[in-house]
Amino acid sequence: MAKILVDKERCKGCKMCIVICPKKVLALSTELNPAGSRYAIQVEEKECIGCRLCGMICPDSAVSIYAERRINLPRSQT
């Protein structure tokens, strides 16, 4: 599971991230950014596999991906 953050100020709504996503977790917002464009948003956080394709294809570097990191703590031995 990963969290995708889109900088709505930079996103121009080209949909490249939406098209390339293998799990279809992105969509265009219904709101407009200051430039008058609908911007990408993550709609299915639990389905994101953290592949980072959306961030790699974004021509405006507006997409950041934060993967959930699991930490395995040693169990105390009693």
C-alpha atoms as a PDB file:
ATOM      1  CA  MET A   1       0.000   0.000   0.000  1.00  0.00           C
ATOM      2  CA  ALA A   2       1.305   3.463  -0.870  1.00  0.00           C
ATOM      3  CA  LYS A   3       0.147   7.042  -0.606  1.00  0.00           C
ATOM      4  CA  ILE A   4       0.241   9.129  -3.774  1.00  0.00           C
ATOM      5  CA  LEU A   5       0.410  12.890  -3.398  1.00  0.00           C
ATOM      6  CA  VAL A   6      -0.176  15.110  -6.405  1.00  0.00           C
ATOM      7  CA  ASP A   7       0.907  18.736  -6.328  1.00  0.00           C
ATOM      8  CA  LYS A   8      -2.307  20.280  -7.610  1.00  0.00           C
ATOM      9  CA  GLU A   9      -0.517  23.523  -8.423  1.00  0.00           C
ATOM     10  CA  ARG A  10       1.797  21.722 -10.887  1.00  0.00           C
ATOM     11  CA  CYS A  11      -0.581  19.103 -12.295  1.00  0.00           C
ATOM     12  CA  LYS A  12      -2.076  20.079 -15.649  1.00  0.00           C
ATOM     13  CA  GLY A  13      -4.474  17.131 -15.847  1.00  0.00           C
ATOM     14  CA  CYS A  14      -2.776  15.334 -18.739  1.00  0.00           C
ATOM     15  CA  LYS A  15      -4.014  11.947 -17.402  1.00  0.00           C
ATOM     16  CA  MET A  16      -0.736  10.158 -18.154  1.00  0.00           C
ATOM     17  CA  CYS A  17      -0.498   8.912 -14.560  1.00  0.00           C
ATOM     18  CA  ILE A  18      -4.107   7.738 -14.643  1.00  0.00           C
ATOM     19  CA  VAL A  19      -3.617   5.787 -17.864  1.00  0.00           C
ATOM     20  CA  ILE A  20      -0.354   4.095 -16.824  1.00  0.00           C
ATOM     21  CA  CYS A  21      -1.536   2.982 -13.373  1.00  0.00           C
ATOM     22  CA  PRO A  22      -1.888  -0.832 -13.402  1.00  0.00           C
ATOM     23  CA  LYS A  23      -4.323  -0.772 -10.459  1.00  0.00           C
ATOM     24  CA  LYS A  24      -6.347   2.268 -11.612  1.00  0.00           C
ATOM     25  CA  VAL A  25      -6.051   4.062  -8.283  1.00  0.00           C
ATOM     26  CA  LEU A  26      -5.916   7.584  -9.768  1.00  0.00           C
ATOM     27  CA  ALA A  27      -8.639   9.780 -11.240  1.00  0.00           C
ATOM     28  CA  LEU A  28      -9.154  13.425 -12.126  1.00  0.00           C
ATOM     29  CA  SER A  29     -10.584  15.589  -9.373  1.00  0.00           C
ATOM     30  CA  THR A  30     -13.812  17.464  -9.833  1.00  0.00           C
ATOM     31  CA  GLU A  31     -12.114  20.629  -8.553  1.00  0.00           C
ATOM     32  CA  LEU A  32      -9.905  22.949 -10.571  1.00  0.00           C
ATOM     33  CA  ASN A  33      -6.423  24.117  -9.675  1.00  0.00           C
ATOM     34  CA  PRO A  34      -5.420  27.809  -9.985  1.00  0.00           C
ATOM     35  CA  ALA A  35      -4.525  27.234 -13.665  1.00  0.00           C
ATOM     36  CA  GLY A  36      -8.071  26.005 -14.355  1.00  0.00           C
ATOM     37  CA  SER A  37      -7.144  22.328 -14.788  1.00  0.00           C
ATOM     38  CA  ARG A  38      -8.607  19.293 -13.108  1.00  0.00           C
ATOM     39  CA  TYR A  39      -5.770  17.536 -11.294  1.00  0.00           C
ATOM     40  CA  ALA A  40      -5.084  13.882 -10.499  1.00  0.00           C
ATOM     41  CA  ILE A  41      -6.031  12.453  -7.112  1.00  0.00           C
ATOM     42  CA  GLN A  42      -5.659   9.033  -5.510  1.00  0.00           C
ATOM     43  CA  VAL A  43      -9.054   7.359  -5.171  1.00  0.00           C
ATOM     44  CA  GLU A  44      -8.055   3.857  -3.992  1.00  0.00           C
ATOM     45  CA  GLU A  45      -5.217   4.034  -1.483  1.00  0.00           C
ATOM     46  CA  LYS A  46      -5.493   0.405  -0.371  1.00  0.00           C
ATOM     47  CA  GLU A  47      -5.100  -0.896  -3.934  1.00  0.00           C
ATOM     48  CA  CYS A  48      -1.887   1.008  -4.744  1.00  0.00           C
ATOM     49  CA  ILE A  49       1.090  -1.347  -5.085  1.00  0.00           C
ATOM     50  CA  GLY A  50       3.694   1.423  -4.979  1.00  0.00           C
ATOM     51  CA  CYS A  51       5.111   0.704  -8.439  1.00  0.00           C
ATOM     52  CA  ARG A  52       5.923   4.414  -8.931  1.00  0.00           C
ATOM     53  CA  LEU A  53       4.965   4.408 -12.631  1.00  0.00           C
ATOM     54  CA  CYS A  54       2.753   7.450 -12.101  1.00  0.00           C
ATOM     55  CA  GLY A  55       5.655   9.441 -10.693  1.00  0.00           C
ATOM     56  CA  MET A  56       8.019   8.367 -13.439  1.00  0.00           C
ATOM     57  CA  ILE A  57       5.685   9.292 -16.294  1.00  0.00           C
ATOM     58  CA  CYS A  58       4.520  12.665 -14.960  1.00  0.00           C
ATOM     59  CA  PRO A  59       5.987  15.329 -17.273  1.00  0.00           C
ATOM     60  CA  ASP A  60       5.662  17.990 -14.574  1.00  0.00           C
ATOM     61  CA  SER A  61       7.082  16.017 -11.629  1.00  0.00           C
ATOM     62  CA  ALA A  62       3.819  16.652  -9.794  1.00  0.00           C
ATOM     63  CA  VAL A  63       3.449  13.113  -8.392  1.00  0.00           C
ATOM     64  CA  SER A  64       5.137  11.833  -5.234  1.00  0.00           C
ATOM     65  CA  ILE A  65       4.744   8.293  -3.910  1.00  0.00           C
ATOM     66  CA  TYR A  66       5.203   7.304  -0.299  1.00  0.00           C
ATOM     67  CA  ALA A  67       5.295   3.556   0.307  1.00  0.00           C
ATOM     68  CA  GLU A  68       4.223   2.179   3.639  1.00  0.00           C
ATOM     69  CA  ARG A  69       7.212   0.742   5.410  1.00  0.00           C
ATOM     70  CA  ARG A  70       6.685  -2.173   7.743  1.00  0.00           C
ATOM     71  CA  ILE A  71       9.032  -2.564  10.641  1.00  0.00           C
ATOM     72  CA  ASN A  72       9.454  -5.962  12.220  1.00  0.00           C
ATOM     73  CA  LEU A  73      10.399  -5.566  15.842  1.00  0.00           C
ATOM     74  CA  PRO A  74      11.943  -8.516  17.618  1.00  0.00           C
ATOM     75  CA  ARG A  75       9.611 -10.235  20.025  1.00  0.00           C
ATOM     76  CA  SER A  76      10.682 -10.226  23.634  1.00  0.00           C
ATOM     77  CA  GLN A  77      11.614 -13.628  24.887  1.00  0.00           C
ATOM     78  CA  THR A  78      10.132 -14.515  28.264  1.00  0.00           C
END
